[in-house]
C-alpha atoms as a PDB file:
ATOM      1  CA  MET A   1      25.897  -1.432 -10.594  1.00  0.00           C
ATOM      2  CA  LEU A   2      26.670   2.220 -11.247  1.00  0.00           C
ATOM      3  CA  GLY A   3      25.821   4.270 -14.304  1.00  0.00           C
ATOM      4  CA  THR A   4      24.692   7.577 -15.766  1.00  0.00           C
ATOM      5  CA  VAL A   5      21.205   8.484 -16.965  1.00  0.00           C
ATOM      6  CA  LYS A   6      21.649   8.808 -20.720  1.00  0.00           C
ATOM      7  CA  PHE A   7      18.071   9.784 -21.611  1.00  0.00           C
ATOM      8  CA  TRP A   8      14.890  10.525 -19.670  1.00  0.00           C
ATOM      9  CA  ASN A   9      11.386  11.229 -21.005  1.00  0.00           C
ATOM     10  CA  GLY A  10       9.512  12.690 -18.050  1.00  0.00           C
ATOM     11  CA  GLU A  11       6.170  12.808 -19.864  1.00  0.00           C
ATOM     12  CA  ARG A  12       6.264   9.076 -20.573  1.00  0.00           C
ATOM     13  CA  GLY A  13       8.151   8.056 -17.414  1.00  0.00           C
ATOM     14  CA  PHE A  14      11.022   6.113 -18.916  1.00  0.00           C
ATOM     15  CA  GLY A  15      14.599   6.423 -20.057  1.00  0.00           C
ATOM     16  CA  PHE A  16      17.922   4.634 -20.308  1.00  0.00           C
ATOM     17  CA  ILE A  17      21.005   4.243 -18.138  1.00  0.00           C
ATOM     18  CA  ALA A  18      24.523   3.891 -19.556  1.00  0.00           C
ATOM     19  CA  PRO A  19      26.129   1.432 -17.112  1.00  0.00           C
ATOM     20  CA  ASP A  20      29.775   1.972 -16.204  1.00  0.00           C
ATOM     21  CA  GLY A  21      31.937  -0.434 -18.199  1.00  0.00           C
ATOM     22  CA  SER A  22      29.128  -1.783 -20.393  1.00  0.00           C
ATOM     23  CA  PRO A  23      28.274  -0.866 -23.983  1.00  0.00           C
ATOM     24  CA  THR A  24      24.608  -1.882 -23.588  1.00  0.00           C
ATOM     25  CA  ASP A  25      22.122   0.641 -22.172  1.00  0.00           C
ATOM     26  CA  VAL A  26      19.610  -0.461 -19.531  1.00  0.00           C
ATOM     27  CA  PHE A  27      15.907   0.491 -19.676  1.00  0.00           C
ATOM     28  CA  LEU A  28      14.665   2.583 -16.739  1.00  0.00           C
ATOM     29  CA  HIS A  29      10.998   3.006 -15.797  1.00  0.00           C
ATOM     30  CA  VAL A  30       9.646   5.519 -13.295  1.00  0.00           C
ATOM     31  CA  ARG A  31       8.315   2.605 -11.178  1.00  0.00           C
ATOM     32  CA  SER A  32      11.933   1.577 -10.499  1.00  0.00           C
ATOM     33  CA  LEU A  33      12.704   4.886  -8.780  1.00  0.00           C
ATOM     34  CA  PRO A  34      12.494   5.144  -4.971  1.00  0.00           C
ATOM     35  CA  PRO A  35       9.221   6.255  -3.357  1.00  0.00           C
ATOM     36  CA  GLY A  36       8.769  10.004  -3.679  1.00  0.00           C
ATOM     37  CA  VAL A  37      11.155  10.301  -6.634  1.00  0.00           C
ATOM     38  CA  GLU A  38       9.178  10.953  -9.810  1.00  0.00           C
ATOM     39  CA  SER A  39      11.972  11.837 -12.205  1.00  0.00           C
ATOM     40  CA  VAL A  40      15.680  11.724 -12.918  1.00  0.00           C
ATOM     41  CA  GLY A  41      17.724  13.953 -15.172  1.00  0.00           C
ATOM     42  CA  GLN A  42      20.123  13.331 -17.997  1.00  0.00           C
ATOM     43  CA  GLY A  43      23.589  13.012 -16.499  1.00  0.00           C
ATOM     44  CA  ASP A  44      22.437  11.929 -13.028  1.00  0.00           C
ATOM     45  CA  ARG A  45      24.610   9.218 -11.470  1.00  0.00           C
ATOM     46  CA  VAL A  46      22.622   6.232 -10.242  1.00  0.00           C
ATOM     47  CA  SER A  47      23.134   2.902  -8.563  1.00  0.00           C
ATOM     48  CA  PHE A  48      20.872   0.070  -9.664  1.00  0.00           C
ATOM     49  CA  GLU A  49      20.366  -3.646 -10.138  1.00  0.00           C
ATOM     50  CA  VAL A  50      19.590  -5.286 -13.479  1.00  0.00           C
ATOM     51  CA  GLU A  51      17.006  -7.914 -14.345  1.00  0.00           C
ATOM     52  CA  GLU A  52      15.689  -9.336 -17.579  1.00  0.00           C
ATOM     53  CA  ASP A  53      12.258  -7.973 -18.528  1.00  0.00           C
ATOM     54  CA  PRO A  54       9.748 -10.852 -18.203  1.00  0.00           C
ATOM     55  CA  SER A  55       7.298  -9.323 -20.692  1.00  0.00           C
ATOM     56  CA  PRO A  56       6.963 -11.421 -23.891  1.00  0.00           C
ATOM     57  CA  ARG A  57       7.109  -8.236 -26.000  1.00  0.00           C
ATOM     58  CA  ARG A  58      10.386  -7.182 -24.398  1.00  0.00           C
ATOM     59  CA  GLN A  59      11.977 -10.559 -23.872  1.00  0.00           C
ATOM     60  CA  GLY A  60      15.680 -10.303 -23.246  1.00  0.00           C
ATOM     61  CA  ARG A  61      15.728  -6.552 -22.628  1.00  0.00           C
ATOM     62  CA  ARG A  62      17.628  -5.533 -19.518  1.00  0.00           C
ATOM     63  CA  ARG A  63      15.824  -3.222 -17.117  1.00  0.00           C
ATOM     64  CA  ALA A  64      16.936  -1.385 -14.012  1.00  0.00           C
ATOM     65  CA  THR A  65      15.469  -2.126 -10.593  1.00  0.00           C
ATOM     66  CA  ASN A  66      16.162  -0.746  -7.114  1.00  0.00           C
ATOM     67  CA  VAL A  67      17.426   2.526  -8.568  1.00  0.00           C
ATOM     68  CA  SER A  68      18.936   5.203  -6.306  1.00  0.00           C
ATOM     69  CA  VAL A  69      20.158   8.616  -7.413  1.00  0.00           C
ATOM     70  CA  ILE A  70      23.642   9.068  -5.952  1.00  0.00           C
ATOM     71  CA  ALA A  71      24.522  12.396  -7.603  1.00  0.00           C
ATOM     72  CA  GLU A  72      22.436  14.821  -9.638  1.00  0.00           C
ATOM     73  CA  ALA A  73      23.915  16.321 -12.773  1.00  0.00           C
ATOM     74  CA  PRO A  74      24.605  20.062 -12.649  1.00  0.00           C
ATOM     75  CA  PRO A  75      21.604  22.079 -13.888  1.00  0.00           C
ATOM     76  CA  ARG A  76      21.588  22.781 -17.606  1.00  0.00           C
ATOM     77  CA  ALA A  77      21.123  26.320 -18.881  1.00  0.00           C
ATOM     78  CA  ALA A  78      17.947  25.430 -20.800  1.00  0.00           C
ATOM     79  CA  GLY A  79      15.485  22.577 -20.425  1.00  0.00           C
ATOM     80  CA  GLY A  80      16.306  21.553 -16.862  1.00  0.00           C
ATOM     81  CA  ARG A  81      15.513  18.107 -15.528  1.00  0.00           C
ATOM     82  CA  GLY A  82      13.826  15.404 -17.590  1.00  0.00           C
END
């Protein structure tokens, strides 16, 4: 799937992806990023797969796996990346 990073909290290591053609955001955890990538930024374009979170507390929530950044968003004037 393809989508855009909608939100990223770098301090906590999680965020959400807005998938192309889907109204439901997908949870993204830093552990789903490729080795050596510690953060993404709001507006980055990503490719990813989706699985259902197996955790009992988060049952039914969709989460991203095998995430790859395919295009970084242009730098913002203030705040920068995630």
